[in-house]
PDB file of all heavy atoms in Angstrom:
ATOM      1  N   TYR A   1       0.802  -1.223   0.042  1.00  0.00           N
ATOM      2  CA  TYR A   1      -0.036   0.013  -0.039  1.00  0.00           C
ATOM      3  C   TYR A   1       0.813   1.264  -0.019  1.00  0.00           C
ATOM      4  O   TYR A   1       0.292   2.345  -0.043  1.00  0.00           O
ATOM      5  CB  TYR A   1      -0.921   0.025   1.211  1.00  0.00           C
ATOM      6  CG  TYR A   1      -0.253   0.050   2.573  1.00  0.00           C
ATOM      7  CD1 TYR A   1       0.048   1.357   3.114  1.00  0.00           C
ATOM      8  CD2 TYR A   1       0.156  -1.008   3.252  1.00  0.00           C
ATOM      9  CE1 TYR A   1       0.745   1.440   4.325  1.00  0.00           C
ATOM     10  CE2 TYR A   1       0.820  -0.918   4.446  1.00  0.00           C
ATOM     11  CZ  TYR A   1       1.114   0.326   5.011  1.00  0.00           C
ATOM     12  OH  TYR A   1       1.738   0.473   6.217  1.00  0.00           O
ATOM     13  N   TYR A   2       2.120   1.199   0.020  1.00  0.00           N
ATOM     14  CA  TYR A   2       2.967   2.403   0.188  1.00  0.00           C
ATOM     15  C   TYR A   2       2.768   3.213  -1.108  1.00  0.00           C
ATOM     16  O   TYR A   2       2.491   2.655  -2.167  1.00  0.00           O
ATOM     17  CB  TYR A   2       4.502   2.041   0.151  1.00  0.00           C
ATOM     18  CG  TYR A   2       4.970   1.554   1.513  1.00  0.00           C
ATOM     19  CD1 TYR A   2       4.044   1.350   2.623  1.00  0.00           C
ATOM     20  CD2 TYR A   2       6.305   1.461   1.809  1.00  0.00           C
ATOM     21  CE1 TYR A   2       4.540   0.904   3.889  1.00  0.00           C
ATOM     22  CE2 TYR A   2       6.786   1.127   3.103  1.00  0.00           C
ATOM     23  CZ  TYR A   2       5.910   0.854   4.076  1.00  0.00           C
ATOM     24  OH  TYR A   2       6.330   0.465   5.318  1.00  0.00           O
ATOM     25  N   PRO A   3       2.766   4.533  -0.997  1.00  0.00           N
ATOM     26  CA  PRO A   3       2.752   5.469  -2.142  1.00  0.00           C
ATOM     27  C   PRO A   3       3.936   5.144  -3.106  1.00  0.00           C
ATOM     28  O   PRO A   3       4.919   4.645  -2.672  1.00  0.00           O
ATOM     29  CB  PRO A   3       2.936   6.792  -1.564  1.00  0.00           C
ATOM     30  CG  PRO A   3       2.663   6.674  -0.154  1.00  0.00           C
ATOM     31  CD  PRO A   3       2.881   5.321   0.335  1.00  0.00           C
ATOM     32  N   TYR A   4       3.712   5.327  -4.391  1.00  0.00           N
ATOM     33  CA  TYR A   4       4.667   5.000  -5.368  1.00  0.00           C
ATOM     34  C   TYR A   4       5.950   5.736  -5.123  1.00  0.00           C
ATOM     35  O   TYR A   4       7.147   5.124  -5.327  1.00  0.00           O
ATOM     36  CB  TYR A   4       4.104   5.384  -6.753  1.00  0.00           C
ATOM     37  CG  TYR A   4       5.075   5.092  -7.896  1.00  0.00           C
ATOM     38  CD1 TYR A   4       5.310   3.667  -8.231  1.00  0.00           C
ATOM     39  CD2 TYR A   4       5.659   6.023  -8.724  1.00  0.00           C
ATOM     40  CE1 TYR A   4       6.219   3.321  -9.282  1.00  0.00           C
ATOM     41  CE2 TYR A   4       6.480   5.732  -9.807  1.00  0.00           C
ATOM     42  CZ  TYR A   4       6.751   4.382 -10.057  1.00  0.00           C
ATOM     43  OH  TYR A   4       7.551   4.076 -11.167  1.00  0.00           O
ATOM     44  N   SER A   5       5.972   6.965  -4.637  1.00  0.00           N
ATOM     45  CA  SER A   5       7.168   7.654  -4.399  1.00  0.00           C
ATOM     46  C   SER A   5       8.022   7.043  -3.313  1.00  0.00           C
ATOM     47  O   SER A   5       9.273   7.060  -3.290  1.00  0.00           O
ATOM     48  CB  SER A   5       6.860   9.089  -3.992  1.00  0.00           C
ATOM     49  OG  SER A   5       6.054   9.176  -2.864  1.00  0.00           O
ATOM     50  N   LEU A   6       7.281   6.530  -2.257  1.00  0.00           N
ATOM     51  CA  LEU A   6       8.015   5.875  -1.227  1.00  0.00           C
ATOM     52  C   LEU A   6       8.667   4.521  -1.648  1.00  0.00           C
ATOM     53  O   LEU A   6       9.711   4.174  -1.247  1.00  0.00           O
ATOM     54  CB  LEU A   6       7.130   5.627  -0.027  1.00  0.00           C
ATOM     55  CG  LEU A   6       7.609   4.997   1.214  1.00  0.00           C
ATOM     56  CD1 LEU A   6       8.957   5.635   1.733  1.00  0.00           C
ATOM     57  CD2 LEU A   6       6.629   4.916   2.354  1.00  0.00           C
ATOM     58  N   LYS A   7       7.931   3.776  -2.486  1.00  0.00           N
ATOM     59  CA  LYS A   7       8.455   2.523  -3.032  1.00  0.00           C
ATOM     60  C   LYS A   7       9.627   2.795  -3.799  1.00  0.00           C
ATOM     61  O   LYS A   7      10.678   2.092  -3.632  1.00  0.00           O
ATOM     62  CB  LYS A   7       7.348   1.811  -4.001  1.00  0.00           C
ATOM     63  CG  LYS A   7       6.135   1.336  -3.257  1.00  0.00           C
ATOM     64  CD  LYS A   7       5.195   0.732  -4.229  1.00  0.00           C
ATOM     65  CE  LYS A   7       3.893   0.235  -3.438  1.00  0.00           C
ATOM     66  NZ  LYS A   7       2.924  -0.352  -4.400  1.00  0.00           N
ATOM     67  N   LEU A   8       9.659   3.851  -4.606  1.00  0.00           N
ATOM     68  CA  LEU A   8      10.865   4.232  -5.360  1.00  0.00           C
ATOM     69  C   LEU A   8      12.009   4.577  -4.462  1.00  0.00           C
ATOM     70  O   LEU A   8      13.238   4.250  -4.728  1.00  0.00           O
ATOM     71  CB  LEU A   8      10.567   5.403  -6.336  1.00  0.00           C
ATOM     72  CG  LEU A   8       9.703   5.127  -7.565  1.00  0.00           C
ATOM     73  CD1 LEU A   8       9.521   6.416  -8.306  1.00  0.00           C
ATOM     74  CD2 LEU A   8      10.274   4.050  -8.402  1.00  0.00           C
ATOM     75  N   ARG A   9      11.793   5.289  -3.367  1.00  0.00           N
ATOM     76  CA  ARG A   9      12.779   5.624  -2.429  1.00  0.00           C
ATOM     77  C   ARG A   9      13.472   4.447  -1.805  1.00  0.00           C
ATOM     78  O   ARG A   9      14.669   4.303  -1.779  1.00  0.00           O
ATOM     79  CB  ARG A   9      12.217   6.552  -1.272  1.00  0.00           C
ATOM     80  CG  ARG A   9      13.194   6.775  -0.205  1.00  0.00           C
ATOM     81  CD  ARG A   9      12.560   7.335   1.083  1.00  0.00           C
ATOM     82  NE  ARG A   9      13.529   7.355   2.195  1.00  0.00           N
ATOM     83  CZ  ARG A   9      13.618   6.355   3.120  1.00  0.00           C
ATOM     84  NH1 ARG A   9      12.764   5.346   3.120  1.00  0.00           N
ATOM     85  NH2 ARG A   9      14.561   6.436   4.037  1.00  0.00           N
ATOM     86  N   ILE A  10      12.613   3.388  -1.373  1.00  0.00           N
ATOM     87  CA  ILE A  10      13.128   2.314  -0.706  1.00  0.00           C
ATOM     88  C   ILE A  10      13.915   1.402  -1.688  1.00  0.00           C
ATOM     89  O   ILE A  10      15.004   0.849  -1.392  1.00  0.00           O
ATOM     90  CB  ILE A  10      11.889   1.430  -0.163  1.00  0.00           C
ATOM     91  CG1 ILE A  10      11.359   2.228   1.051  1.00  0.00           C
ATOM     92  CG2 ILE A  10      12.423   0.115   0.434  1.00  0.00           C
ATOM     93  CD1 ILE A  10      10.076   1.747   1.529  1.00  0.00           C
ATOM     94  N   LEU A  11      13.495   1.363  -2.925  1.00  0.00           N
ATOM     95  CA  LEU A  11      14.109   0.527  -3.893  1.00  0.00           C
ATOM     96  C   LEU A  11      15.376   1.164  -4.633  1.00  0.00           C
ATOM     97  O   LEU A  11      16.112   0.499  -5.228  1.00  0.00           O
ATOM     98  CB  LEU A  11      13.090   0.145  -5.077  1.00  0.00           C
ATOM     99  CG  LEU A  11      11.968  -0.808  -4.677  1.00  0.00           C
ATOM    100  CD1 LEU A  11      10.895  -0.873  -5.692  1.00  0.00           C
ATOM    101  CD2 LEU A  11      12.518  -2.289  -4.474  1.00  0.00           C
ATOM    102  N   GLY A  12      15.478   2.455  -4.367  1.00  0.00           N
ATOM    103  CA  GLY A  12      16.540   3.230  -5.077  1.00  0.00           C
ATOM    104  C   GLY A  12      17.907   3.028  -4.363  1.00  0.00           C
ATOM    105  O   GLY A  12      18.072   2.383  -3.403  1.00  0.00           O
ATOM    106  N   LYS A  13      18.949   3.686  -4.963  1.00  0.00           N
ATOM    107  CA  LYS A  13      20.201   3.569  -4.512  1.00  0.00           C
ATOM    108  C   LYS A  13      20.526   4.179  -3.201  1.00  0.00           C
ATOM    109  O   LYS A  13      21.576   4.012  -2.626  1.00  0.00           O
ATOM    110  CB  LYS A  13      21.203   4.137  -5.608  1.00  0.00           C
ATOM    111  CG  LYS A  13      21.312   3.272  -6.903  1.00  0.00           C
ATOM    112  CD  LYS A  13      22.332   3.829  -7.870  1.00  0.00           C
ATOM    113  CE  LYS A  13      22.487   2.853  -9.083  1.00  0.00           C
ATOM    114  NZ  LYS A  13      23.534   3.333 -10.052  1.00  0.00           N
ATOM    115  N   GLU A  14      19.681   4.944  -2.744  1.00  0.00           N
ATOM    116  CA  GLU A  14      19.798   5.643  -1.407  1.00  0.00           C
ATOM    117  C   GLU A  14      18.698   5.134  -0.470  1.00  0.00           C
ATOM    118  O   GLU A  14      18.326   5.752   0.531  1.00  0.00           O
ATOM    119  CB  GLU A  14      19.626   7.133  -1.523  1.00  0.00           C
ATOM    120  CG  GLU A  14      20.934   7.742  -2.229  1.00  0.00           C
ATOM    121  CD  GLU A  14      20.939   9.306  -2.194  1.00  0.00           C
ATOM    122  OE1 GLU A  14      19.838   9.868  -1.987  1.00  0.00           O
ATOM    123  OE2 GLU A  14      22.038   9.804  -2.324  1.00  0.00           O
ATOM    124  N   GLY A  15      18.274   3.945  -0.665  1.00  0.00           N
ATOM    125  CA  GLY A  15      17.145   3.410   0.099  1.00  0.00           C
ATOM    126  C   GLY A  15      17.665   2.235   1.013  1.00  0.00           C
ATOM    127  O   GLY A  15      18.427   2.501   1.892  1.00  0.00           O
ATOM    128  N   HIS A  16      17.141   0.982   0.771  1.00  0.00           N
ATOM    129  CA  HIS A  16      17.444  -0.055   1.671  1.00  0.00           C
ATOM    130  C   HIS A  16      17.650  -1.434   0.874  1.00  0.00           C
ATOM    131  O   HIS A  16      17.144  -1.538  -0.227  1.00  0.00           O
ATOM    132  CB  HIS A  16      16.244  -0.403   2.576  1.00  0.00           C
ATOM    133  CG  HIS A  16      15.887   0.696   3.534  1.00  0.00           C
ATOM    134  ND1 HIS A  16      16.622   0.889   4.713  1.00  0.00           N
ATOM    135  CD2 HIS A  16      15.075   1.797   3.486  1.00  0.00           C
ATOM    136  CE1 HIS A  16      16.161   1.998   5.362  1.00  0.00           C
ATOM    137  NE2 HIS A  16      15.245   2.568   4.609  1.00  0.00           N
ATOM    138  N   LEU A  17      18.493  -2.332   1.459  1.00  0.00           N
ATOM    139  CA  LEU A  17      18.734  -3.559   0.857  1.00  0.00           C
ATOM    140  C   LEU A  17      17.540  -4.525   0.959  1.00  0.00           C
ATOM    141  O   LEU A  17      16.957  -4.702   2.083  1.00  0.00           O
ATOM    142  CB  LEU A  17      19.947  -4.137   1.430  1.00  0.00           C
ATOM    143  CG  LEU A  17      21.304  -3.667   1.152  1.00  0.00           C
ATOM    144  CD1 LEU A  17      22.399  -4.521   1.788  1.00  0.00           C
ATOM    145  CD2 LEU A  17      21.579  -3.521  -0.245  1.00  0.00           C
ATOM    146  N   SER A  18      17.220  -5.108  -0.129  1.00  0.00           N
ATOM    147  CA  SER A  18      16.162  -6.168  -0.103  1.00  0.00           C
ATOM    148  C   SER A  18      16.804  -7.443   0.461  1.00  0.00           C
ATOM    149  O   SER A  18      17.989  -7.645   0.604  1.00  0.00           O
ATOM    150  CB  SER A  18      15.703  -6.441  -1.486  1.00  0.00           C
ATOM    151  OG  SER A  18      16.662  -6.961  -2.333  1.00  0.00           O
ATOM    152  N   ASN A  19      15.807  -8.423   0.724  1.00  0.00           N
ATOM    153  CA  ASN A  19      16.313  -9.784   1.060  1.00  0.00           C
ATOM    154  C   ASN A  19      17.263 -10.349   0.052  1.00  0.00           C
ATOM    155  O   ASN A  19      18.337 -10.968   0.273  1.00  0.00           O
ATOM    156  CB  ASN A  19      15.136 -10.761   1.214  1.00  0.00           C
ATOM    157  CG  ASN A  19      14.208 -10.268   2.402  1.00  0.00           C
ATOM    158  OD1 ASN A  19      14.612  -9.624   3.336  1.00  0.00           O
ATOM    159  ND2 ASN A  19      12.973 -10.791   2.344  1.00  0.00           N
ATOM    160  N   ASP A  20      16.859 -10.274  -1.241  1.00  0.00           N
ATOM    161  CA  ASP A  20      17.728 -10.830  -2.312  1.00  0.00           C
ATOM    162  C   ASP A  20      19.042 -10.144  -2.376  1.00  0.00           C
ATOM    163  O   ASP A  20      20.055 -10.814  -2.542  1.00  0.00           O
ATOM    164  CB  ASP A  20      16.910 -10.606  -3.705  1.00  0.00           C
ATOM    165  CG  ASP A  20      15.609 -11.326  -3.677  1.00  0.00           C
ATOM    166  OD1 ASP A  20      15.554 -12.458  -4.041  1.00  0.00           O
ATOM    167  OD2 ASP A  20      14.627 -10.668  -3.288  1.00  0.00           O
ATOM    168  N   ALA A  21      19.037  -8.785  -2.287  1.00  0.00           N
ATOM    169  CA  ALA A  21      20.415  -8.187  -2.336  1.00  0.00           C
ATOM    170  C   ALA A  21      21.315  -8.480  -1.151  1.00  0.00           C
ATOM    171  O   ALA A  21      22.452  -8.734  -1.273  1.00  0.00           O
ATOM    172  CB  ALA A  21      20.115  -6.586  -2.376  1.00  0.00           C
ATOM    173  N   CYS A  22      20.638  -8.614  -0.034  1.00  0.00           N
ATOM    174  CA  CYS A  22      21.388  -9.146   1.197  1.00  0.00           C
ATOM    175  C   CYS A  22      21.951 -10.404   0.926  1.00  0.00           C
ATOM    176  O   CYS A  22      23.122 -10.717   1.216  1.00  0.00           O
ATOM    177  CB  CYS A  22      20.479  -9.130   2.410  1.00  0.00           C
ATOM    178  SG  CYS A  22      21.241  -9.760   3.895  1.00  0.00           S
ATOM    179  N   GLY A  23      21.090 -11.332   0.386  1.00  0.00           N
ATOM    180  CA  GLY A  23      21.711 -12.683   0.121  1.00  0.00           C
ATOM    181  C   GLY A  23      22.865 -12.667  -0.879  1.00  0.00           C
ATOM    182  O   GLY A  23      23.838 -13.404  -0.756  1.00  0.00           O
ATOM    183  N   ARG A  24      22.645 -11.876  -1.886  1.00  0.00           N
ATOM    184  CA  ARG A  24      23.805 -11.800  -2.941  1.00  0.00           C
ATOM    185  C   ARG A  24      25.057 -11.276  -2.353  1.00  0.00           C
ATOM    186  O   ARG A  24      26.212 -11.633  -2.597  1.00  0.00           O
ATOM    187  CB  ARG A  24      23.310 -10.959  -4.122  1.00  0.00           C
ATOM    188  CG  ARG A  24      22.256 -11.554  -4.898  1.00  0.00           C
ATOM    189  CD  ARG A  24      22.095 -10.858  -6.273  1.00  0.00           C
ATOM    190  NE  ARG A  24      21.592  -9.465  -6.048  1.00  0.00           N
ATOM    191  CZ  ARG A  24      20.434  -9.119  -5.994  1.00  0.00           C
ATOM    192  NH1 ARG A  24      19.314  -9.981  -6.103  1.00  0.00           N
ATOM    193  NH2 ARG A  24      20.122  -7.853  -5.861  1.00  0.00           N
ATOM    194  N   MET A  25      24.905 -10.310  -1.429  1.00  0.00           N
ATOM    195  CA  MET A  25      26.122  -9.751  -0.782  1.00  0.00           C
ATOM    196  C   MET A  25      26.789 -10.835   0.072  1.00  0.00           C
ATOM    197  O   MET A  25      27.975 -10.921   0.094  1.00  0.00           O
ATOM    198  CB  MET A  25      25.696  -8.540   0.069  1.00  0.00           C
ATOM    199  CG  MET A  25      26.834  -7.701   0.698  1.00  0.00           C
ATOM    200  SD  MET A  25      26.148  -6.300   1.463  1.00  0.00           S
ATOM    201  CE  MET A  25      27.677  -5.515   2.027  1.00  0.00           C
ATOM    202  N   LEU A  26      25.960 -11.484   0.830  1.00  0.00           N
ATOM    203  CA  LEU A  26      26.532 -12.529   1.716  1.00  0.00           C
ATOM    204  C   LEU A  26      27.132 -13.724   0.918  1.00  0.00           C
ATOM    205  O   LEU A  26      28.170 -14.290   1.408  1.00  0.00           O
ATOM    206  CB  LEU A  26      25.418 -13.063   2.684  1.00  0.00           C
ATOM    207  CG  LEU A  26      25.011 -12.159   3.744  1.00  0.00           C
ATOM    208  CD1 LEU A  26      23.743 -12.633   4.448  1.00  0.00           C
ATOM    209  CD2 LEU A  26      26.120 -11.886   4.808  1.00  0.00           C
ATOM    210  N   ARG A  27      26.682 -13.949  -0.259  1.00  0.00           N
ATOM    211  CA  ARG A  27      27.318 -15.036  -1.062  1.00  0.00           C
ATOM    212  C   ARG A  27      28.793 -14.703  -1.335  1.00  0.00           C
ATOM    213  O   ARG A  27      29.551 -15.608  -1.387  1.00  0.00           O
ATOM    214  CB  ARG A  27      26.574 -15.176  -2.503  1.00  0.00           C
ATOM    215  CG  ARG A  27      25.216 -15.847  -2.335  1.00  0.00           C
ATOM    216  CD  ARG A  27      24.545 -15.977  -3.579  1.00  0.00           C
ATOM    217  NE  ARG A  27      25.191 -16.800  -4.570  1.00  0.00           N
ATOM    218  CZ  ARG A  27      24.610 -17.298  -5.642  1.00  0.00           C
ATOM    219  NH1 ARG A  27      23.383 -17.048  -6.011  1.00  0.00           N
ATOM    220  NH2 ARG A  27      25.318 -18.225  -6.466  1.00  0.00           N
ATOM    221  N   ARG A  28      29.055 -13.424  -1.374  1.00  0.00           N
ATOM    222  CA  ARG A  28      30.491 -13.081  -1.654  1.00  0.00           C
ATOM    223  C   ARG A  28      31.272 -13.031  -0.285  1.00  0.00           C
ATOM    224  O   ARG A  28      32.421 -13.473  -0.271  1.00  0.00           O
ATOM    225  CB  ARG A  28      30.541 -11.619  -2.240  1.00  0.00           C
ATOM    226  CG  ARG A  28      31.855 -11.143  -2.586  1.00  0.00           C
ATOM    227  CD  ARG A  28      31.824  -9.873  -3.367  1.00  0.00           C
ATOM    228  NE  ARG A  28      33.115  -9.242  -3.537  1.00  0.00           N
ATOM    229  CZ  ARG A  28      33.291  -8.025  -4.222  1.00  0.00           C
ATOM    230  NH1 ARG A  28      32.218  -7.461  -4.773  1.00  0.00           N
ATOM    231  NH2 ARG A  28      34.452  -7.492  -4.219  1.00  0.00           N
ATOM    232  N   LEU A  29      30.618 -12.573   0.768  1.00  0.00           N
ATOM    233  CA  LEU A  29      31.332 -12.471   2.043  1.00  0.00           C
ATOM    234  C   LEU A  29      31.628 -13.810   2.692  1.00  0.00           C
ATOM    235  O   LEU A  29      32.672 -13.935   3.380  1.00  0.00           O
ATOM    236  CB  LEU A  29      30.439 -11.674   2.950  1.00  0.00           C
ATOM    237  CG  LEU A  29      30.377 -10.135   2.762  1.00  0.00           C
ATOM    238  CD1 LEU A  29      29.379  -9.453   3.618  1.00  0.00           C
ATOM    239  CD2 LEU A  29      31.727  -9.461   2.876  1.00  0.00           C
ATOM    240  N   VAL A  30      30.857 -14.811   2.422  1.00  0.00           N
ATOM    241  CA  VAL A  30      31.154 -16.063   3.194  1.00  0.00           C
ATOM    242  C   VAL A  30      32.346 -16.810   2.691  1.00  0.00           C
ATOM    243  O   VAL A  30      32.819 -17.813   3.402  1.00  0.00           O
ATOM    244  CB  VAL A  30      29.906 -17.103   3.015  1.00  0.00           C
ATOM    245  CG1 VAL A  30      28.721 -16.464   3.724  1.00  0.00           C
ATOM    246  CG2 VAL A  30      29.584 -17.344   1.541  1.00  0.00           C
ATOM    247  N   HIS A  31      32.957 -16.400   1.758  1.00  0.00           N
ATOM    248  CA  HIS A  31      34.209 -16.940   1.258  1.00  0.00           C
ATOM    249  C   HIS A  31      35.324 -16.398   2.024  1.00  0.00           C
ATOM    250  O   HIS A  31      36.607 -16.876   1.700  1.00  0.00           O
ATOM    251  CB  HIS A  31      34.392 -16.802  -0.238  1.00  0.00           C
ATOM    252  CG  HIS A  31      33.488 -17.559  -1.107  1.00  0.00           C
ATOM    253  ND1 HIS A  31      33.682 -18.944  -1.365  1.00  0.00           N
ATOM    254  CD2 HIS A  31      32.332 -17.291  -1.742  1.00  0.00           C
ATOM    255  CE1 HIS A  31      32.678 -19.407  -2.063  1.00  0.00           C
ATOM    256  NE2 HIS A  31      31.818 -18.345  -2.364  1.00  0.00           N
ATOM    257  N   HIS A  32      35.143 -15.478   2.924  1.00  0.00           N
ATOM    258  CA  HIS A  32      36.262 -14.948   3.759  1.00  0.00           C
ATOM    259  C   HIS A  32      36.105 -15.503   5.154  1.00  0.00           C
ATOM    260  O   HIS A  32      35.728 -16.651   5.372  1.00  0.00           O
ATOM    261  CB  HIS A  32      36.128 -13.429   3.664  1.00  0.00           C
ATOM    262  CG  HIS A  32      36.391 -12.895   2.260  1.00  0.00           C
ATOM    263  ND1 HIS A  32      37.680 -12.726   1.775  1.00  0.00           N
ATOM    264  CD2 HIS A  32      35.520 -12.727   1.261  1.00  0.00           C
ATOM    265  CE1 HIS A  32      37.522 -12.276   0.439  1.00  0.00           C
ATOM    266  NE2 HIS A  32      36.245 -12.348   0.152  1.00  0.00           N
ATOM    267  N   ARG A  33      36.208 -14.750   6.183  1.00  0.00           N
ATOM    268  CA  ARG A  33      36.154 -15.070   7.623  1.00  0.00           C
ATOM    269  C   ARG A  33      34.776 -15.240   8.135  1.00  0.00           C
ATOM    270  O   ARG A  33      34.593 -15.784   9.201  1.00  0.00           O
ATOM    271  CB  ARG A  33      36.919 -14.096   8.462  1.00  0.00           C
ATOM    272  CG  ARG A  33      38.434 -14.237   8.309  1.00  0.00           C
ATOM    273  CD  ARG A  33      39.213 -13.132   9.082  1.00  0.00           C
ATOM    274  NE  ARG A  33      38.755 -13.085  10.452  1.00  0.00           N
ATOM    275  CZ  ARG A  33      39.395 -12.292  11.367  1.00  0.00           C
ATOM    276  NH1 ARG A  33      40.342 -11.583  11.037  1.00  0.00           N
ATOM    277  NH2 ARG A  33      38.975 -12.336  12.662  1.00  0.00           N
ATOM    278  N   LEU A  34      33.762 -14.708   7.522  1.00  0.00           N
ATOM    279  CA  LEU A  34      32.453 -14.497   8.020  1.00  0.00           C
ATOM    280  C   LEU A  34      31.871 -15.883   8.428  1.00  0.00           C
ATOM    281  O   LEU A  34      31.689 -16.802   7.670  1.00  0.00           O
ATOM    282  CB  LEU A  34      31.581 -13.859   7.009  1.00  0.00           C
ATOM    283  CG  LEU A  34      30.143 -13.436   7.516  1.00  0.00           C
ATOM    284  CD1 LEU A  34      30.247 -12.581   8.759  1.00  0.00           C
ATOM    285  CD2 LEU A  34      29.276 -12.858   6.363  1.00  0.00           C
ATOM    286  N   ARG A  35      31.420 -15.932   9.716  1.00  0.00           N
ATOM    287  CA  ARG A  35      30.782 -17.143  10.189  1.00  0.00           C
ATOM    288  C   ARG A  35      29.465 -16.918  11.018  1.00  0.00           C
ATOM    289  O   ARG A  35      28.728 -17.858  11.287  1.00  0.00           O
ATOM    290  CB  ARG A  35      31.707 -18.013  10.993  1.00  0.00           C
ATOM    291  CG  ARG A  35      32.823 -18.742  10.126  1.00  0.00           C
ATOM    292  CD  ARG A  35      32.181 -19.662   9.175  1.00  0.00           C
ATOM    293  NE  ARG A  35      33.250 -20.269   8.303  1.00  0.00           N
ATOM    294  CZ  ARG A  35      33.526 -19.807   7.113  1.00  0.00           C
ATOM    295  NH1 ARG A  35      32.914 -18.704   6.644  1.00  0.00           N
ATOM    296  NH2 ARG A  35      34.499 -20.338   6.413  1.00  0.00           N
ATOM    297  N   TYR A  36      29.220 -15.657  11.314  1.00  0.00           N
ATOM    298  CA  TYR A  36      28.024 -15.281  12.142  1.00  0.00           C
ATOM    299  C   TYR A  36      27.216 -14.095  11.425  1.00  0.00           C
ATOM    300  O   TYR A  36      27.829 -13.117  11.234  1.00  0.00           O
ATOM    301  CB  TYR A  36      28.405 -14.869  13.616  1.00  0.00           C
ATOM    302  CG  TYR A  36      29.274 -15.892  14.278  1.00  0.00           C
ATOM    303  CD1 TYR A  36      30.728 -15.938  14.161  1.00  0.00           C
ATOM    304  CD2 TYR A  36      28.640 -16.893  15.131  1.00  0.00           C
ATOM    305  CE1 TYR A  36      31.455 -16.883  14.790  1.00  0.00           C
ATOM    306  CE2 TYR A  36      29.429 -17.858  15.735  1.00  0.00           C
ATOM    307  CZ  TYR A  36      30.816 -17.775  15.658  1.00  0.00           C
ATOM    308  OH  TYR A  36      31.524 -18.715  16.347  1.00  0.00           O
ATOM    309  N   ILE A  37      25.955 -14.439  11.164  1.00  0.00           N
ATOM    310  CA  ILE A  37      25.244 -13.478  10.483  1.00  0.00           C
ATOM    311  C   ILE A  37      23.864 -13.291  11.146  1.00  0.00           C
ATOM    312  O   ILE A  37      23.140 -14.179  11.489  1.00  0.00           O
ATOM    313  CB  ILE A  37      24.834 -13.991   9.021  1.00  0.00           C
ATOM    314  CG1 ILE A  37      26.121 -14.246   8.270  1.00  0.00           C
ATOM    315  CG2 ILE A  37      23.972 -12.978   8.271  1.00  0.00           C
ATOM    316  CD1 ILE A  37      25.949 -14.961   6.950  1.00  0.00           C
ATOM    317  N   LEU A  38      23.547 -12.093  11.460  1.00  0.00           N
ATOM    318  CA  LEU A  38      22.150 -11.650  11.868  1.00  0.00           C
ATOM    319  C   LEU A  38      21.615 -10.665  10.765  1.00  0.00           C
ATOM    320  O   LEU A  38      22.223  -9.742  10.339  1.00  0.00           O
ATOM    321  CB  LEU A  38      22.286 -10.852  13.243  1.00  0.00           C
ATOM    322  CG  LEU A  38      22.140 -11.534  14.460  1.00  0.00           C
ATOM    323  CD1 LEU A  38      22.114 -10.567  15.627  1.00  0.00           C
ATOM    324  CD2 LEU A  38      20.883 -12.463  14.577  1.00  0.00           C
ATOM    325  N   LEU A  39      20.370 -11.076  10.328  1.00  0.00           N
ATOM    326  CA  LEU A  39      19.654 -10.187   9.303  1.00  0.00           C
ATOM    327  C   LEU A  39      18.941  -9.181  10.169  1.00  0.00           C
ATOM    328  O   LEU A  39      18.200  -9.506  11.140  1.00  0.00           O
ATOM    329  CB  LEU A  39      18.675 -11.082   8.512  1.00  0.00           C
ATOM    330  CG  LEU A  39      19.374 -12.249   7.776  1.00  0.00           C
ATOM    331  CD1 LEU A  39      18.300 -13.062   7.043  1.00  0.00           C
ATOM    332  CD2 LEU A  39      20.527 -11.804   6.893  1.00  0.00           C
ATOM    333  N   GLY A  40      19.065  -7.971   9.811  1.00  0.00           N
ATOM    334  CA  GLY A  40      18.487  -6.868  10.626  1.00  0.00           C
ATOM    335  C   GLY A  40      17.691  -5.782   9.785  1.00  0.00           C
ATOM    336  O   GLY A  40      17.631  -5.873   8.587  1.00  0.00           O
ATOM    337  N   HIS A  41      17.148  -4.928  10.537  1.00  0.00           N
ATOM    338  CA  HIS A  41      16.388  -3.767   9.945  1.00  0.00           C
ATOM    339  C   HIS A  41      15.267  -4.207   9.036  1.00  0.00           C
ATOM    340  O   HIS A  41      14.979  -3.577   7.961  1.00  0.00           O
ATOM    341  CB  HIS A  41      17.306  -2.782   9.231  1.00  0.00           C
ATOM    342  CG  HIS A  41      16.832  -1.313   9.175  1.00  0.00           C
ATOM    343  ND1 HIS A  41      15.809  -0.921   8.435  1.00  0.00           N
ATOM    344  CD2 HIS A  41      17.266  -0.237   9.885  1.00  0.00           C
ATOM    345  CE1 HIS A  41      15.602   0.367   8.591  1.00  0.00           C
ATOM    346  NE2 HIS A  41      16.452   0.760   9.490  1.00  0.00           N
TER     347      HIS A  41
END
């Protein structure tokens, strides 16, 4: 139900990470030292 302008803000480059984007980011990070993950916000 969010207004279209708010949807664009959240989805934009100055908004927030989606579940999918978070997952893609973690796919890269887990090849390093990372072993403990909390999903937040």
